[in-house]
């Protein structure tokens, strides 16, 4: 249950602009993957590029 609350607060998807082949992040911005499990778990990420 706590993991469901954390994922609803943090979100489960992200949209990032790409400019000239690089992520369009600001100076203090970054991308972090948060895992809310006590045991090791494999994760599959899905990346979709739209033009």
PDB file of N, CA and C in Angstrom:
ATOM      1  N   UNK A   1       0.808  -1.207   0.000  1.00  0.00           N
ATOM      2  CA  UNK A   1       0.000   0.000   0.000  1.00  0.00           C
ATOM      3  C   UNK A   1       0.853   1.273   0.000  1.00  0.00           C
ATOM      4  N   UNK A   2       1.905   1.399   0.819  1.00  0.00           N
ATOM      5  CA  UNK A   2       2.694   2.628   0.780  1.00  0.00           C
ATOM      6  C   UNK A   2       3.316   2.899  -0.588  1.00  0.00           C
ATOM      7  N   UNK A   3       3.701   1.844  -1.318  1.00  0.00           N
ATOM      8  CA  UNK A   3       4.279   2.051  -2.645  1.00  0.00           C
ATOM      9  C   UNK A   3       3.261   2.659  -3.598  1.00  0.00           C
ATOM     10  N   UNK A   4       1.996   2.270  -3.472  1.00  0.00           N
ATOM     11  CA  UNK A   4       0.962   2.842  -4.335  1.00  0.00           C
ATOM     12  C   UNK A   4       0.777   4.328  -4.042  1.00  0.00           C
ATOM     13  N   UNK A   5       0.829   4.700  -2.803  1.00  0.00           N
ATOM     14  CA  UNK A   5       0.692   6.114  -2.432  1.00  0.00           C
ATOM     15  C   UNK A   5       1.884   6.907  -2.957  1.00  0.00           C
ATOM     16  N   UNK A   6       3.099   6.364  -2.790  1.00  0.00           N
ATOM     17  CA  UNK A   6       4.301   7.055  -3.263  1.00  0.00           C
ATOM     18  C   UNK A   6       4.279   7.221  -4.772  1.00  0.00           C
ATOM     19  N   UNK A   7       3.881   6.172  -5.504  1.00  0.00           N
ATOM     20  CA  UNK A   7       3.853   6.282  -6.961  1.00  0.00           C
ATOM     21  C   UNK A   7       2.785   7.263  -7.431  1.00  0.00           C
ATOM     22  N   UNK A   8       1.677   7.377  -6.705  1.00  0.00           N
ATOM     23  CA  UNK A   8       0.656   8.345  -7.100  1.00  0.00           C
ATOM     24  C   UNK A   8       1.122   9.771  -6.821  1.00  0.00           C
ATOM     25  N   UNK A   9       1.942   9.956  -5.799  1.00  0.00           N
ATOM     26  CA  UNK A   9       2.480  11.289  -5.509  1.00  0.00           C
ATOM     27  C   UNK A   9       3.598  11.680  -6.477  1.00  0.00           C
ATOM     28  N   UNK A  10       4.449  10.725  -6.838  1.00  0.00           N
ATOM     29  CA  UNK A  10       5.591  11.012  -7.700  1.00  0.00           C
ATOM     30  C   UNK A  10       5.267  10.914  -9.181  1.00  0.00           C
ATOM     31  N   UNK A  11       4.232  10.191  -9.528  1.00  0.00           N
ATOM     32  CA  UNK A  11       3.867  10.019 -10.932  1.00  0.00           C
ATOM     33  C   UNK A  11       4.527   8.801 -11.538  1.00  0.00           C
ATOM     34  N   UNK A  12       4.012   8.368 -12.670  1.00  0.00           N
ATOM     35  CA  UNK A  12       4.552   7.167 -13.312  1.00  0.00           C
ATOM     36  C   UNK A  12       4.948   7.418 -14.760  1.00  0.00           C
ATOM     37  N   UNK A  13       4.865   8.650 -15.224  1.00  0.00           N
ATOM     38  CA  UNK A  13       5.309   8.963 -16.575  1.00  0.00           C
ATOM     39  C   UNK A  13       5.929  10.347 -16.597  1.00  0.00           C
ATOM     40  N   UNK A  14       6.713  10.590 -17.633  1.00  0.00           N
ATOM     41  CA  UNK A  14       7.466  11.833 -17.709  1.00  0.00           C
ATOM     42  C   UNK A  14       7.603  12.231 -19.165  1.00  0.00           C
ATOM     43  N   UNK A  15       7.440  13.505 -19.468  1.00  0.00           N
ATOM     44  CA  UNK A  15       7.635  14.029 -20.804  1.00  0.00           C
ATOM     45  C   UNK A  15       8.800  15.007 -20.760  1.00  0.00           C
ATOM     46  N   UNK A  16       9.822  14.749 -21.576  1.00  0.00           N
ATOM     47  CA  UNK A  16      11.017  15.584 -21.599  1.00  0.00           C
ATOM     48  C   UNK A  16      11.282  16.005 -23.045  1.00  0.00           C
ATOM     49  N   UNK A  17      11.439  17.281 -23.302  1.00  0.00           N
ATOM     50  CA  UNK A  17      11.779  17.702 -24.666  1.00  0.00           C
ATOM     51  C   UNK A  17      13.225  17.324 -25.010  1.00  0.00           C
ATOM     52  N   UNK A  18      13.444  16.979 -26.274  1.00  0.00           N
ATOM     53  CA  UNK A  18      14.788  16.681 -26.777  1.00  0.00           C
ATOM     54  C   UNK A  18      15.133  17.746 -27.798  1.00  0.00           C
ATOM     55  N   UNK A  19      16.271  18.413 -27.593  1.00  0.00           N
ATOM     56  CA  UNK A  19      16.707  19.478 -28.486  1.00  0.00           C
ATOM     57  C   UNK A  19      18.102  19.147 -28.995  1.00  0.00           C
ATOM     58  N   UNK A  20      18.253  19.066 -30.301  1.00  0.00           N
ATOM     59  CA  UNK A  20      19.546  18.758 -30.929  1.00  0.00           C
ATOM     60  C   UNK A  20      20.145  17.466 -30.374  1.00  0.00           C
ATOM     61  N   UNK A  21      19.296  16.447 -30.151  1.00  0.00           N
ATOM     62  CA  UNK A  21      19.759  15.144 -29.695  1.00  0.00           C
ATOM     63  C   UNK A  21      20.077  15.042 -28.219  1.00  0.00           C
ATOM     64  N   UNK A  22      19.775  16.072 -27.423  1.00  0.00           N
ATOM     65  CA  UNK A  22      20.042  16.037 -25.993  1.00  0.00           C
ATOM     66  C   UNK A  22      18.764  16.367 -25.225  1.00  0.00           C
ATOM     67  N   UNK A  23      18.681  15.854 -23.988  1.00  0.00           N
ATOM     68  CA  UNK A  23      17.516  16.137 -23.161  1.00  0.00           C
ATOM     69  C   UNK A  23      17.446  17.634 -22.874  1.00  0.00           C
ATOM     70  N   UNK A  24      16.260  18.192 -23.011  1.00  0.00           N
ATOM     71  CA  UNK A  24      16.067  19.620 -22.789  1.00  0.00           C
ATOM     72  C   UNK A  24      15.766  19.922 -21.329  1.00  0.00           C
ATOM     73  N   UNK A  25      16.714  19.622 -20.448  1.00  0.00           N
ATOM     74  CA  UNK A  25      16.544  19.871 -19.024  1.00  0.00           C
ATOM     75  C   UNK A  25      17.227  21.175 -18.638  1.00  0.00           C
ATOM     76  N   UNK A  26      16.707  21.817 -17.611  1.00  0.00           N
ATOM     77  CA  UNK A  26      17.310  23.037 -17.098  1.00  0.00           C
ATOM     78  C   UNK A  26      18.569  22.745 -16.303  1.00  0.00           C
ATOM     79  N   UNK A  27      19.204  23.780 -15.820  1.00  0.00           N
ATOM     80  CA  UNK A  27      20.466  23.647 -15.091  1.00  0.00           C
ATOM     81  C   UNK A  27      20.341  22.746 -13.878  1.00  0.00           C
ATOM     82  N   UNK A  28      19.266  22.874 -13.115  1.00  0.00           N
ATOM     83  CA  UNK A  28      19.114  22.134 -11.865  1.00  0.00           C
ATOM     84  C   UNK A  28      18.152  20.961 -11.977  1.00  0.00           C
ATOM     85  N   UNK A  29      17.763  20.607 -13.176  1.00  0.00           N
ATOM     86  CA  UNK A  29      16.819  19.521 -13.375  1.00  0.00           C
ATOM     87  C   UNK A  29      17.539  18.202 -13.622  1.00  0.00           C
ATOM     88  N   UNK A  30      16.897  17.116 -13.265  1.00  0.00           N
ATOM     89  CA  UNK A  30      17.429  15.786 -13.504  1.00  0.00           C
ATOM     90  C   UNK A  30      16.289  14.789 -13.567  1.00  0.00           C
ATOM     91  N   UNK A  31      16.591  13.567 -13.976  1.00  0.00           N
ATOM     92  CA  UNK A  31      15.605  12.498 -14.054  1.00  0.00           C
ATOM     93  C   UNK A  31      16.043  11.400 -13.087  1.00  0.00           C
ATOM     94  N   UNK A  32      15.158  10.986 -12.205  1.00  0.00           N
ATOM     95  CA  UNK A  32      15.453   9.963 -11.207  1.00  0.00           C
ATOM     96  C   UNK A  32      14.404   8.873 -11.276  1.00  0.00           C
ATOM     97  N   UNK A  33      14.827   7.639 -11.145  1.00  0.00           N
ATOM     98  CA  UNK A  33      13.918   6.510 -11.068  1.00  0.00           C
ATOM     99  C   UNK A  33      13.861   6.074  -9.607  1.00  0.00           C
ATOM    100  N   UNK A  34      12.687   6.170  -9.005  1.00  0.00           N
ATOM    101  CA  UNK A  34      12.515   5.802  -7.594  1.00  0.00           C
ATOM    102  C   UNK A  34      11.858   4.437  -7.513  1.00  0.00           C
ATOM    103  N   UNK A  35      12.454   3.534  -6.786  1.00  0.00           N
ATOM    104  CA  UNK A  35      11.899   2.192  -6.585  1.00  0.00           C
ATOM    105  C   UNK A  35      11.470   2.077  -5.135  1.00  0.00           C
ATOM    106  N   UNK A  36      10.216   1.738  -4.895  1.00  0.00           N
ATOM    107  CA  UNK A  36       9.663   1.695  -3.544  1.00  0.00           C
ATOM    108  C   UNK A  36       9.445   0.254  -3.077  1.00  0.00           C
ATOM    109  N   UNK A  37      10.454  -0.582  -3.253  1.00  0.00           N
ATOM    110  CA  UNK A  37      10.369  -1.976  -2.831  1.00  0.00           C
ATOM    111  C   UNK A  37      11.528  -2.275  -1.891  1.00  0.00           C
ATOM    112  N   UNK A  38      11.311  -3.225  -1.007  1.00  0.00           N
ATOM    113  CA  UNK A  38      12.368  -3.646  -0.095  1.00  0.00           C
ATOM    114  C   UNK A  38      13.292  -4.687  -0.728  1.00  0.00           C
ATOM    115  N   UNK A  39      12.770  -5.462  -1.664  1.00  0.00           N
ATOM    116  CA  UNK A  39      13.536  -6.524  -2.306  1.00  0.00           C
ATOM    117  C   UNK A  39      13.956  -6.084  -3.711  1.00  0.00           C
ATOM    118  N   UNK A  40      15.091  -6.590  -4.205  1.00  0.00           N
ATOM    119  CA  UNK A  40      15.503  -6.281  -5.584  1.00  0.00           C
ATOM    120  C   UNK A  40      14.430  -6.726  -6.580  1.00  0.00           C
ATOM    121  N   UNK A  41      14.258  -5.948  -7.615  1.00  0.00           N
ATOM    122  CA  UNK A  41      13.210  -6.218  -8.593  1.00  0.00           C
ATOM    123  C   UNK A  41      13.681  -5.686  -9.939  1.00  0.00           C
ATOM    124  N   UNK A  42      13.470  -6.435 -10.998  1.00  0.00           N
ATOM    125  CA  UNK A  42      13.834  -5.938 -12.327  1.00  0.00           C
ATOM    126  C   UNK A  42      12.754  -4.977 -12.810  1.00  0.00           C
ATOM    127  N   UNK A  43      13.150  -4.025 -13.605  1.00  0.00           N
ATOM    128  CA  UNK A  43      12.231  -2.990 -14.088  1.00  0.00           C
ATOM    129  C   UNK A  43      12.441  -2.831 -15.587  1.00  0.00           C
ATOM    130  N   UNK A  44      11.358  -2.693 -16.313  1.00  0.00           N
ATOM    131  CA  UNK A  44      11.429  -2.460 -17.750  1.00  0.00           C
ATOM    132  C   UNK A  44      10.936  -1.042 -18.015  1.00  0.00           C
ATOM    133  N   UNK A  45      11.755  -0.257 -18.670  1.00  0.00           N
ATOM    134  CA  UNK A  45      11.386   1.113 -19.029  1.00  0.00           C
ATOM    135  C   UNK A  45      10.951   1.133 -20.487  1.00  0.00           C
ATOM    136  N   UNK A  46       9.932   1.917 -20.765  1.00  0.00           N
ATOM    137  CA  UNK A  46       9.451   2.065 -22.132  1.00  0.00           C
ATOM    138  C   UNK A  46       9.674   3.506 -22.558  1.00  0.00           C
ATOM    139  N   UNK A  47      10.397   3.689 -23.639  1.00  0.00           N
ATOM    140  CA  UNK A  47      10.706   5.011 -24.158  1.00  0.00           C
ATOM    141  C   UNK A  47       9.972   5.191 -25.482  1.00  0.00           C
ATOM    142  N   UNK A  48       9.191   6.231 -25.583  1.00  0.00           N
ATOM    143  CA  UNK A  48       8.463   6.530 -26.808  1.00  0.00           C
ATOM    144  C   UNK A  48       8.907   7.907 -27.310  1.00  0.00           C
ATOM    145  N   UNK A  49       9.397   7.945 -28.539  1.00  0.00           N
ATOM    146  CA  UNK A  49       9.808   9.211 -29.156  1.00  0.00           C
ATOM    147  C   UNK A  49       8.744   9.656 -30.132  1.00  0.00           C
ATOM    148  N   UNK A  50       8.346  10.893 -30.031  1.00  0.00           N
ATOM    149  CA  UNK A  50       7.366  11.465 -30.961  1.00  0.00           C
ATOM    150  C   UNK A  50       8.016  12.619 -31.712  1.00  0.00           C
ATOM    151  N   UNK A  51       7.754  12.672 -32.990  1.00  0.00           N
ATOM    152  CA  UNK A  51       8.352  13.713 -33.801  1.00  0.00           C
ATOM    153  C   UNK A  51       7.321  14.705 -34.254  1.00  0.00           C
TER     154      UNK A  51
END
